[in-house]
Amino acid sequence: MSDSSGKLKLGALVALVVGSMIGGGIFSLPQNMAASAGVGAVLIGWGITAVGMLTLAFVFQTLANRKPDLDGGVYAYAKAGFGDYMGFSSAWGYWISAWLGNVGYFVLLFSTLGYFFPIFGEGNTPAAIIGASILLWAVHFLVLRGIKEAAFINLVTTVAKVVPLVLFALICLFAFRLDIFTADIWAVGTPELGSVMNQVRNMMLVTVWVFIGIEGASIFSARAEKRTDVGKATVIGFVTVLLFLVLVNVLSLGIMTQPELAKLQNPSMAAVLEHVVGHWGAVLISVGLVISLLGALLSWVLLCAEIMFAAAKDHTMPEFLRRENAKQVPANALWLTNAMVQIFLVITLFSSSTYLSLIYLATSMTLVPYLWSAAYAFLLALRSETYEQALAERKKDLIIGGIALLYAIWLLYAGGVKYLLLSALLYAPGAILFAKAKREVGKPVFTNVEKLIFAAVVIGALVAAFGLYDGFLTL
């Protein structure tokens, strides 16, 4: 699992990637996808996603091998390629995305428990928020006991959550009906979904959400036993998760029609299996989801703290986030993260924010770090940096980096203006921490180019704030 020095082996790194990718998203996938697109658009969308995300996985693998001195993954690449403020923004955006996703996970977890205990309702009743808060601080104190122990528990929950997914795939494979699958391939019977292009675009944000975590191993690169394991873990984790996601989504469309799936309550996988085998199917998936969410929460709490800690170590974030406890856990980063989760859990009591709107916002916050990572890999190949003796590899990486960059730009377009503006609202306040970090090392806060970028972020944030106040933007 990990050696005596506390370094993480390949199995633990793969479990971190799979564990952070398979959270709650896959269990809600049948309904989330059917609500956005018909069978044909779903297949096209998965094709684009598989190619785009695979190139991103290769980008993280290439950067882990070619830039072994850059620890901390996503934000370190943005900083090395595009300057301090871009590096800071990537760390900040990724961190916000990660803990916002955790809030979404808590809502979904208690919504699932609501299936057995009605007091938890849709996951945002007072009882659910109290339960979520108790669980949040239990996970917090578990992680404070040590990264190695938490990573081991994550390995166990990763194995446990894969079992119901394998059972679901096997049962649905035998129950799959081609006549249901091909009944209305282009969703002509549901004109409200719009054109095929529109359907593909709408399903893209859901597909990105279920893949967030693909960079999990690169964030823990400083704690890896072997540097080369980081890239291997990324690709192994990606292929495993892609297989599960496509099977769950495509098989469901051969069990129930797209309009039937679109009306299901989440976790919709439970209802699909119940449709095939009866009540025990729903219970099996609900139990699997609870285990899965607990594991994913653990992965993401680890990732949240690690990204802030890594960024503080090279003065991208303020120095107070660098403090570790006796077990070498970044304690201050952990306290700050879980305090934010707690505040937003309380906000869900008074806000109509659903699991899906939290997910869309969390996803759009991650798109910027992905974009800079792809751009940096492309830039390295373009400049032939680190490729002095490897011309064939340079060509290959130039193509992969180019496709990943185009995919990241397409995702920003698919997310739409609304989520870009809401992201700006969350990016802007980060400048306070950035300024603090800069002052600690006695440097000017912004370069001239960064001043222009920051001005654009502030304008976006002001438009978003006015939009929320005026009602033309909603969460």
Protein backbone atom coordinates (compact mmCIF):
# COMPACT_ATOMS: atom_id res chain seq x y z
CA MET A 1 0.00 0.00 0.00
CA SER A 2 2.66 2.46 1.08
CA ASP A 3 6.22 1.96 2.27
CA SER A 4 7.60 2.66 5.72
CA SER A 5 8.46 6.25 4.80
CA GLY A 6 4.77 6.93 4.12
CA LYS A 7 5.23 7.12 0.33
CA LEU A 8 2.26 6.04 -1.83
CA LYS A 9 2.64 3.01 -4.12
CA LEU A 10 0.99 2.51 -7.55
CA GLY A 11 -2.07 0.72 -6.09
CA ALA A 12 -2.78 3.59 -3.67
CA LEU A 13 -2.35 6.18 -6.46
CA VAL A 14 -4.72 4.27 -8.79
CA ALA A 15 -7.24 4.03 -5.90
CA LEU A 16 -6.96 7.81 -5.38
CA VAL A 17 -7.70 8.42 -9.08
CA VAL A 18 -10.57 5.87 -9.27
CA GLY A 19 -11.80 6.82 -5.79
CA SER A 20 -12.01 10.51 -6.58
CA MET A 21 -13.61 9.92 -10.02
CA ILE A 22 -16.20 7.33 -8.92
CA GLY A 23 -18.15 9.32 -6.38
CA GLY A 24 -21.83 10.07 -6.72
CA GLY A 25 -21.91 11.02 -10.39
CA ILE A 26 -22.01 7.52 -11.85
CA PHE A 27 -25.01 6.54 -9.67
CA SER A 28 -27.06 9.44 -11.07
CA LEU A 29 -25.77 9.08 -14.62
CA PRO A 30 -28.81 7.35 -16.26
CA GLN A 31 -31.16 10.22 -15.31
CA ASN A 32 -28.62 13.07 -15.72
CA MET A 33 -27.81 11.96 -19.28
CA ALA A 34 -31.38 11.17 -20.33
CA ALA A 35 -32.47 14.62 -19.12
CA SER A 36 -29.92 16.20 -21.51
CA ALA A 37 -29.77 13.98 -24.59
CA GLY A 38 -31.13 11.07 -26.64
CA VAL A 39 -29.28 7.82 -27.41
CA GLY A 40 -27.51 9.11 -30.55
CA ALA A 41 -26.26 12.30 -28.90
CA VAL A 42 -25.16 10.30 -25.83
CA LEU A 43 -23.00 8.04 -28.03
CA ILE A 44 -21.48 11.03 -29.89
CA GLY A 45 -20.86 12.83 -26.58
CA TRP A 46 -19.12 9.81 -25.05
CA GLY A 47 -16.95 9.54 -28.17
CA ILE A 48 -15.83 13.18 -27.83
CA THR A 49 -15.39 12.79 -24.06
CA ALA A 50 -13.35 9.58 -24.36
CA VAL A 51 -10.92 11.20 -26.82
CA GLY A 52 -10.79 14.54 -24.97
CA MET A 53 -10.36 13.07 -21.50
CA LEU A 54 -7.85 10.48 -22.70
CA THR A 55 -5.69 13.27 -24.15
CA LEU A 56 -5.99 15.09 -20.81
CA ALA A 57 -4.92 11.90 -19.00
CA PHE A 58 -1.90 11.72 -21.35
CA VAL A 59 -1.19 15.41 -20.68
CA PHE A 60 -0.98 14.73 -16.94
CA GLN A 61 1.16 11.63 -17.63
CA THR A 62 3.55 13.56 -19.92
CA LEU A 63 3.88 16.50 -17.53
CA ALA A 64 4.50 14.17 -14.55
CA ASN A 65 7.40 12.55 -16.46
CA ARG A 66 8.84 15.62 -18.22
CA LYS A 67 8.56 18.05 -15.32
CA PRO A 68 9.26 15.89 -12.23
CA ASP A 69 10.24 18.99 -10.24
CA LEU A 70 6.68 20.37 -10.43
CA ASP A 71 4.76 18.90 -7.49
CA GLY A 72 1.10 19.62 -6.92
CA GLY A 73 -0.16 18.97 -10.44
CA VAL A 74 -2.72 21.27 -12.01
CA TYR A 75 -1.73 24.56 -10.41
CA ALA A 76 2.05 24.04 -10.77
CA TYR A 77 1.71 23.65 -14.55
CA ALA A 78 -0.32 26.86 -14.88
CA LYS A 79 2.25 28.74 -12.77
CA ALA A 80 5.28 27.42 -14.71
CA GLY A 81 3.69 28.21 -18.07
CA PHE A 82 1.69 31.38 -17.50
CA GLY A 83 2.91 33.14 -14.37
CA ASP A 84 2.10 33.40 -10.68
CA TYR A 85 -1.47 34.73 -10.87
CA MET A 86 -2.56 32.01 -13.31
CA GLY A 87 -0.93 29.42 -11.05
CA PHE A 88 -2.68 30.86 -8.02
CA SER A 89 -6.04 31.01 -9.87
CA SER A 90 -5.70 27.36 -10.89
CA ALA A 91 -5.01 26.28 -7.30
CA TRP A 92 -7.81 28.50 -5.97
CA GLY A 93 -10.35 27.40 -8.61
CA TYR A 94 -9.49 23.75 -8.22
CA TRP A 95 -9.73 23.99 -4.44
CA ILE A 96 -13.17 25.68 -4.61
CA SER A 97 -14.36 23.12 -7.14
CA ALA A 98 -13.22 20.28 -4.87
CA TRP A 99 -14.97 21.45 -1.71
CA LEU A 100 -18.09 22.56 -3.62
CA GLY A 101 -18.20 19.02 -5.01
CA ASN A 102 -18.00 17.74 -1.43
CA VAL A 103 -21.06 19.82 -0.50
CA GLY A 104 -22.84 18.20 -3.48
CA TYR A 105 -21.72 14.77 -2.27
CA PHE A 106 -23.14 15.38 1.22
CA VAL A 107 -26.49 16.46 -0.27
CA LEU A 108 -26.60 13.33 -2.48
CA LEU A 109 -25.49 11.05 0.37
CA PHE A 110 -28.28 12.17 2.68
CA SER A 111 -30.78 12.22 -0.18
CA THR A 112 -29.89 8.51 -0.68
CA LEU A 113 -30.28 7.83 3.05
CA GLY A 114 -33.67 9.56 2.69
CA TYR A 115 -34.72 6.45 0.70
CA PHE A 116 -34.50 4.52 3.99
CA PHE A 117 -35.09 7.38 6.49
CA PRO A 118 -37.63 9.95 5.20
CA ILE A 119 -36.41 12.53 7.79
CA PHE A 120 -33.42 13.24 5.49
CA GLY A 121 -35.70 14.12 2.53
CA GLU A 122 -33.78 15.35 -0.52
CA GLY A 123 -30.57 15.79 1.47
CA ASN A 124 -31.12 19.41 2.51
CA THR A 125 -33.51 19.11 5.47
CA PRO A 126 -32.32 20.27 8.95
CA ALA A 127 -31.78 16.61 9.99
CA ALA A 128 -29.70 15.95 6.84
CA ILE A 129 -27.52 19.04 7.41
CA ILE A 130 -26.90 18.04 11.05
CA GLY A 131 -26.00 14.50 9.92
CA ALA A 132 -23.75 15.83 7.14
CA SER A 133 -21.99 18.17 9.59
CA ILE A 134 -21.27 15.33 12.05
CA LEU A 135 -19.91 13.19 9.20
CA LEU A 136 -17.84 16.08 7.81
CA TRP A 137 -15.97 16.56 11.09
CA ALA A 138 -15.57 12.78 11.58
CA VAL A 139 -13.79 12.62 8.18
CA HIS A 140 -11.81 15.75 9.13
CA PHE A 141 -10.40 14.15 12.29
CA LEU A 142 -9.74 10.86 10.46
CA VAL A 143 -7.60 12.70 7.88
CA LEU A 144 -5.78 14.57 10.68
CA ARG A 145 -4.56 11.14 11.88
CA GLY A 146 -2.46 10.76 8.71
CA ILE A 147 -2.52 10.77 4.90
CA LYS A 148 -1.25 7.17 4.73
CA GLU A 149 -4.06 5.76 6.93
CA ALA A 150 -6.70 7.77 5.05
CA ALA A 151 -5.30 6.56 1.70
CA PHE A 152 -5.59 2.94 2.92
CA ILE A 153 -9.26 3.40 3.91
CA ASN A 154 -9.78 4.99 0.46
CA LEU A 155 -8.33 1.83 -1.16
CA VAL A 156 -10.81 -0.34 0.79
CA THR A 157 -13.85 1.83 -0.11
CA THR A 158 -12.73 1.95 -3.77
CA VAL A 159 -12.84 -1.85 -3.96
CA ALA A 160 -16.20 -1.92 -2.08
CA LYS A 161 -17.86 0.61 -4.41
CA VAL A 162 -16.79 -1.21 -7.60
CA VAL A 163 -18.68 -4.42 -6.60
CA PRO A 164 -22.25 -3.05 -7.07
CA LEU A 165 -21.17 -1.41 -10.35
CA VAL A 166 -19.92 -4.74 -11.73
CA LEU A 167 -23.17 -6.46 -10.61
CA PHE A 168 -25.26 -3.69 -12.22
CA ALA A 169 -23.37 -4.06 -15.53
CA LEU A 170 -23.71 -7.88 -15.58
CA ILE A 171 -27.44 -7.91 -14.73
CA CYS A 172 -28.28 -5.14 -17.22
CA LEU A 173 -26.24 -6.82 -19.94
CA PHE A 174 -28.68 -9.76 -19.83
CA ALA A 175 -31.77 -7.54 -19.50
CA PHE A 176 -30.69 -5.15 -22.30
CA ARG A 177 -33.25 -4.79 -25.13
CA LEU A 178 -32.13 -3.47 -28.50
CA ASP A 179 -35.70 -2.41 -29.47
CA ILE A 180 -35.83 -0.01 -26.48
CA PHE A 181 -32.30 1.26 -27.20
CA THR A 182 -33.05 2.03 -30.89
CA ALA A 183 -36.67 3.22 -30.47
CA ASP A 184 -35.91 6.96 -30.78
CA ILE A 185 -32.17 7.34 -31.34
CA TRP A 186 -32.20 11.10 -32.14
CA ALA A 187 -34.86 11.96 -29.51
CA VAL A 188 -37.31 13.18 -32.18
CA GLY A 189 -40.14 12.39 -29.74
CA THR A 190 -38.74 14.87 -27.19
CA PRO A 191 -38.26 18.12 -29.18
CA GLU A 192 -37.59 20.08 -25.94
CA LEU A 193 -34.06 18.58 -25.92
CA GLY A 194 -33.26 20.61 -29.05
CA SER A 195 -30.90 19.73 -31.90
CA VAL A 196 -28.40 16.88 -31.70
CA MET A 197 -25.58 19.45 -31.36
CA ASN A 198 -27.47 21.05 -28.48
CA GLN A 199 -27.98 17.65 -26.80
CA VAL A 200 -24.27 16.81 -27.11
CA ARG A 201 -23.34 20.19 -25.62
CA ASN A 202 -25.77 19.78 -22.71
CA MET A 203 -24.47 16.35 -21.74
CA MET A 204 -20.81 17.47 -21.81
CA LEU A 205 -20.78 19.15 -18.38
CA VAL A 206 -22.18 15.98 -16.80
CA THR A 207 -19.44 13.90 -18.45
CA VAL A 208 -16.75 16.28 -17.20
CA TRP A 209 -18.13 16.10 -13.66
CA VAL A 210 -17.87 12.31 -13.59
CA PHE A 211 -14.23 12.53 -14.75
CA ILE A 212 -13.04 15.19 -12.32
CA GLY A 213 -10.36 13.51 -10.24
CA ILE A 214 -8.41 12.31 -13.27
CA GLU A 215 -5.55 14.53 -12.03
CA GLY A 216 -5.71 13.04 -8.50
CA ALA A 217 -2.40 11.18 -8.78
CA SER A 218 -0.51 14.22 -10.08
CA ILE A 219 -1.61 16.27 -7.06
CA PHE A 220 -0.03 13.65 -4.77
CA SER A 221 3.11 13.37 -6.94
CA ALA A 222 5.35 14.59 -4.09
CA ARG A 223 4.14 11.66 -1.96
CA ALA A 224 4.53 8.98 -4.68
CA GLU A 225 7.08 6.23 -4.10
CA LYS A 226 8.04 6.25 -7.81
CA ARG A 227 7.59 9.31 -10.00
CA THR A 228 6.67 7.19 -13.06
CA ASP A 229 3.74 5.66 -11.12
CA VAL A 230 1.93 9.02 -11.25
CA GLY A 231 1.41 8.85 -15.02
CA LYS A 232 0.61 5.12 -14.96
CA ALA A 233 -2.00 5.58 -12.21
CA THR A 234 -3.67 8.39 -14.20
CA VAL A 235 -4.10 6.31 -17.37
CA ILE A 236 -5.09 3.04 -15.57
CA GLY A 237 -7.63 4.95 -13.45
CA PHE A 238 -9.07 6.75 -16.48
CA VAL A 239 -9.59 3.61 -18.60
CA THR A 240 -11.21 1.74 -15.67
CA VAL A 241 -13.65 4.56 -14.93
CA LEU A 242 -14.49 5.22 -18.62
CA LEU A 243 -15.48 1.57 -19.03
CA PHE A 244 -17.83 1.70 -16.01
CA LEU A 245 -19.40 5.02 -17.04
CA VAL A 246 -20.16 4.02 -20.62
CA LEU A 247 -21.55 0.63 -19.53
CA VAL A 248 -23.84 2.18 -16.89
CA ASN A 249 -25.10 4.88 -19.26
CA VAL A 250 -25.55 2.81 -22.43
CA LEU A 251 -27.03 -0.29 -20.75
CA SER A 252 -29.63 1.85 -18.91
CA LEU A 253 -30.85 3.18 -22.28
CA GLY A 254 -31.66 -0.40 -23.29
CA ILE A 255 -33.63 -1.10 -20.08
CA MET A 256 -35.89 1.98 -19.96
CA THR A 257 -36.67 4.60 -22.61
CA GLN A 258 -35.01 8.03 -22.55
CA PRO A 259 -38.20 9.87 -21.36
CA GLU A 260 -38.68 7.27 -18.57
CA LEU A 261 -35.06 7.64 -17.43
CA ALA A 262 -35.29 11.45 -17.51
CA LYS A 263 -38.16 11.36 -14.96
CA LEU A 264 -36.35 9.15 -12.41
CA GLN A 265 -35.27 10.40 -9.01
CA ASN A 266 -31.59 10.19 -8.18
CA PRO A 267 -29.70 7.96 -7.56
CA SER A 268 -31.31 6.79 -10.82
CA MET A 269 -29.15 3.64 -11.10
CA ALA A 270 -31.15 2.26 -8.15
CA ALA A 271 -34.45 2.70 -10.04
CA VAL A 272 -33.03 1.10 -13.21
CA LEU A 273 -31.90 -2.01 -11.32
CA GLU A 274 -35.19 -2.10 -9.38
CA HIS A 275 -36.97 -2.11 -12.77
CA VAL A 276 -35.04 -5.31 -13.69
CA VAL A 277 -34.83 -7.32 -10.45
CA GLY A 278 -37.21 -5.69 -7.98
CA HIS A 279 -36.69 -3.90 -4.65
CA TRP A 280 -33.41 -5.57 -3.64
CA GLY A 281 -31.76 -3.97 -6.69
CA ALA A 282 -32.53 -0.48 -5.38
CA VAL A 283 -31.22 -1.41 -1.92
CA LEU A 284 -27.97 -2.83 -3.39
CA ILE A 285 -27.27 0.33 -5.43
CA SER A 286 -28.19 2.65 -2.53
CA VAL A 287 -25.78 0.83 -0.20
CA GLY A 288 -23.12 0.93 -2.94
CA LEU A 289 -23.68 4.65 -3.34
CA VAL A 290 -23.34 5.32 0.39
CA ILE A 291 -19.99 3.45 0.46
CA SER A 292 -18.92 5.17 -2.75
CA LEU A 293 -19.73 8.65 -1.47
CA LEU A 294 -17.93 8.05 1.82
CA GLY A 295 -14.82 6.98 -0.13
CA ALA A 296 -15.09 9.90 -2.56
CA LEU A 297 -15.51 12.36 0.31
CA LEU A 298 -12.32 11.02 1.84
CA SER A 299 -10.43 11.32 -1.49
CA TRP A 300 -11.62 14.87 -2.03
CA VAL A 301 -10.92 16.05 1.50
CA LEU A 302 -7.35 14.76 0.97
CA LEU A 303 -7.10 16.47 -2.44
CA CYS A 304 -8.45 19.80 -1.12
CA ALA A 305 -5.90 20.01 1.67
CA GLU A 306 -3.04 18.79 -0.53
CA ILE A 307 -3.56 21.40 -3.29
CA MET A 308 -3.53 24.30 -0.80
CA PHE A 309 -0.53 22.86 1.03
CA ALA A 310 1.48 22.30 -2.18
CA ALA A 311 0.67 25.84 -3.34
CA ALA A 312 1.72 27.31 0.02
CA LYS A 313 5.05 25.42 -0.10
CA ASP A 314 6.21 27.43 -3.12
CA HIS A 315 4.68 30.73 -1.90
CA THR A 316 1.72 30.69 -4.33
CA MET A 317 -0.57 30.60 -1.27
CA PRO A 318 0.08 32.32 2.10
CA GLU A 319 2.49 30.71 4.52
CA PHE A 320 -0.10 29.76 7.20
CA LEU A 321 -1.42 27.04 4.83
CA ARG A 322 1.99 25.34 4.94
CA ARG A 323 1.66 24.16 8.53
CA GLU A 324 1.64 20.37 9.01
CA ASN A 325 0.73 18.50 12.20
CA ALA A 326 2.89 15.77 13.77
CA LYS A 327 1.42 13.21 11.30
CA GLN A 328 2.51 15.38 8.34
CA VAL A 329 -1.05 16.35 7.45
CA PRO A 330 -1.57 19.94 6.19
CA ALA A 331 -3.75 20.87 9.17
CA ASN A 332 -4.49 24.56 8.43
CA ALA A 333 -5.44 23.80 4.82
CA LEU A 334 -7.75 21.07 6.11
CA TRP A 335 -9.44 23.36 8.67
CA LEU A 336 -9.99 26.09 6.06
CA THR A 337 -11.44 23.61 3.54
CA ASN A 338 -13.88 21.96 5.92
CA ALA A 339 -14.97 25.30 7.40
CA MET A 340 -16.03 26.33 3.85
CA VAL A 341 -17.89 23.01 3.37
CA GLN A 342 -19.69 23.60 6.68
CA ILE A 343 -20.75 27.15 5.69
CA PHE A 344 -22.11 25.96 2.34
CA LEU A 345 -23.93 23.03 3.96
CA VAL A 346 -25.82 25.56 6.08
CA ILE A 347 -26.50 27.67 2.95
CA THR A 348 -28.17 24.65 1.24
CA LEU A 349 -30.80 24.80 4.00
CA PHE A 350 -31.94 28.20 2.77
CA SER A 351 -31.15 27.88 -0.93
CA SER A 352 -32.97 25.88 -3.59
CA SER A 353 -29.58 24.73 -4.95
CA THR A 354 -29.87 21.14 -6.08
CA TYR A 355 -27.13 18.54 -6.36
CA LEU A 356 -26.95 19.18 -10.11
CA SER A 357 -26.51 22.97 -9.88
CA LEU A 358 -23.72 22.52 -7.29
CA ILE A 359 -22.11 20.02 -9.66
CA TYR A 360 -22.29 22.33 -12.69
CA LEU A 361 -20.70 25.16 -10.72
CA ALA A 362 -17.98 22.88 -9.32
CA THR A 363 -17.28 21.59 -12.84
CA SER A 364 -16.95 25.06 -14.36
CA MET A 365 -14.42 25.99 -11.64
CA THR A 366 -12.24 23.02 -12.72
CA LEU A 367 -12.28 23.83 -16.43
CA VAL A 368 -9.77 26.69 -16.05
CA PRO A 369 -7.04 24.55 -14.35
CA TYR A 370 -7.57 21.86 -17.02
CA LEU A 371 -7.22 24.46 -19.78
CA TRP A 372 -3.88 25.77 -18.42
CA SER A 373 -2.48 22.24 -17.93
CA ALA A 374 -3.29 21.33 -21.56
CA ALA A 375 -1.90 24.68 -22.79
CA TYR A 376 1.34 24.14 -20.84
CA ALA A 377 1.88 20.63 -22.29
CA PHE A 378 1.23 22.03 -25.79
CA LEU A 379 3.66 24.90 -25.14
CA LEU A 380 6.45 22.55 -23.96
CA ALA A 381 6.17 20.49 -27.15
CA LEU A 382 5.93 23.62 -29.33
CA ARG A 383 9.12 25.09 -27.81
CA SER A 384 10.86 21.66 -27.83
CA GLU A 385 11.51 22.19 -24.11
CA THR A 386 12.65 18.83 -22.56
CA TYR A 387 12.41 17.23 -26.05
CA GLU A 388 16.01 17.85 -27.18
CA GLN A 389 16.68 14.15 -27.96
CA ALA A 390 13.11 13.00 -28.66
CA LEU A 391 11.71 14.45 -31.88
CA ALA A 392 9.19 11.63 -32.52
CA GLU A 393 7.82 12.01 -28.98
CA ARG A 394 7.60 15.77 -29.45
CA LYS A 395 5.36 15.35 -32.51
CA LYS A 396 3.10 12.90 -30.68
CA ASP A 397 2.84 15.17 -27.60
CA LEU A 398 2.19 18.22 -29.79
CA ILE A 399 -0.85 16.46 -31.30
CA ILE A 400 -2.08 15.16 -27.91
CA GLY A 401 -1.57 18.57 -26.25
CA GLY A 402 -3.36 20.29 -29.15
CA ILE A 403 -6.40 17.99 -28.93
CA ALA A 404 -6.53 18.36 -25.11
CA LEU A 405 -6.38 22.16 -25.49
CA LEU A 406 -9.20 22.20 -28.07
CA TYR A 407 -11.26 19.92 -25.81
CA ALA A 408 -10.72 22.22 -22.79
CA ILE A 409 -11.82 25.25 -24.88
CA TRP A 410 -14.88 23.31 -26.12
CA LEU A 411 -15.79 22.51 -22.49
CA LEU A 412 -15.74 26.22 -21.56
CA TYR A 413 -18.11 26.82 -24.49
CA ALA A 414 -20.33 23.87 -23.43
CA GLY A 415 -20.49 25.28 -19.89
CA GLY A 416 -21.91 28.53 -21.23
CA VAL A 417 -21.62 32.15 -20.12
CA LYS A 418 -23.70 31.67 -16.96
CA TYR A 419 -21.20 29.37 -15.25
CA LEU A 420 -18.21 31.41 -16.45
CA LEU A 421 -19.69 34.50 -14.77
CA LEU A 422 -20.53 32.61 -11.56
CA SER A 423 -16.96 31.25 -11.58
CA ALA A 424 -15.60 34.81 -11.82
CA LEU A 425 -17.59 35.64 -8.68
CA LEU A 426 -15.73 32.88 -6.84
CA TYR A 427 -12.33 33.60 -8.44
CA ALA A 428 -12.24 37.35 -7.61
CA PRO A 429 -12.01 37.16 -3.76
CA GLY A 430 -9.00 34.83 -4.08
CA ALA A 431 -6.85 37.87 -4.90
CA ILE A 432 -6.76 38.66 -1.15
CA LEU A 433 -4.80 35.45 -0.45
CA PHE A 434 -2.67 36.00 -3.56
CA ALA A 435 -1.71 39.51 -2.39
CA LYS A 436 -0.89 38.16 1.09
CA ALA A 437 1.40 35.47 -0.39
CA LYS A 438 3.17 38.05 -2.57
CA ARG A 439 3.72 40.45 0.34
CA GLU A 440 5.22 37.66 2.45
CA VAL A 441 8.03 37.29 -0.11
CA GLY A 442 8.32 41.05 -0.72
CA LYS A 443 7.23 40.99 -4.38
CA PRO A 444 4.79 43.29 -6.24
CA VAL A 445 1.32 41.70 -6.37
CA PHE A 446 0.59 41.77 -10.12
CA THR A 447 2.60 42.11 -13.31
CA ASN A 448 1.09 44.43 -15.96
CA VAL A 449 -0.50 41.55 -17.88
CA GLU A 450 -1.89 40.06 -14.62
CA LYS A 451 -3.50 43.43 -13.79
CA LEU A 452 -5.50 43.20 -17.03
CA ILE A 453 -6.51 39.58 -16.32
CA PHE A 454 -7.57 40.47 -12.77
CA ALA A 455 -9.59 43.45 -14.08
CA ALA A 456 -11.47 41.08 -16.45
CA VAL A 457 -12.18 38.70 -13.53
CA VAL A 458 -13.51 41.59 -11.39
CA ILE A 459 -15.77 42.81 -14.23
CA GLY A 460 -17.13 39.25 -14.66
CA ALA A 461 -17.71 39.00 -10.89
CA LEU A 462 -19.59 42.33 -10.80
CA VAL A 463 -21.81 41.25 -13.72
CA ALA A 464 -22.50 37.93 -11.91
CA ALA A 465 -23.29 39.69 -8.60
CA PHE A 466 -25.70 42.04 -10.38
CA GLY A 467 -27.19 39.07 -12.27
CA LEU A 468 -27.90 37.19 -9.03
CA TYR A 469 -29.39 40.33 -7.47
CA ASP A 470 -31.50 41.18 -10.54
CA GLY A 471 -32.56 37.57 -11.15
CA PHE A 472 -31.22 37.09 -14.69
CA LEU A 473 -28.64 34.69 -13.21
CA THR A 474 -29.62 31.93 -10.81
CA LEU A 475 -27.68 29.29 -8.95
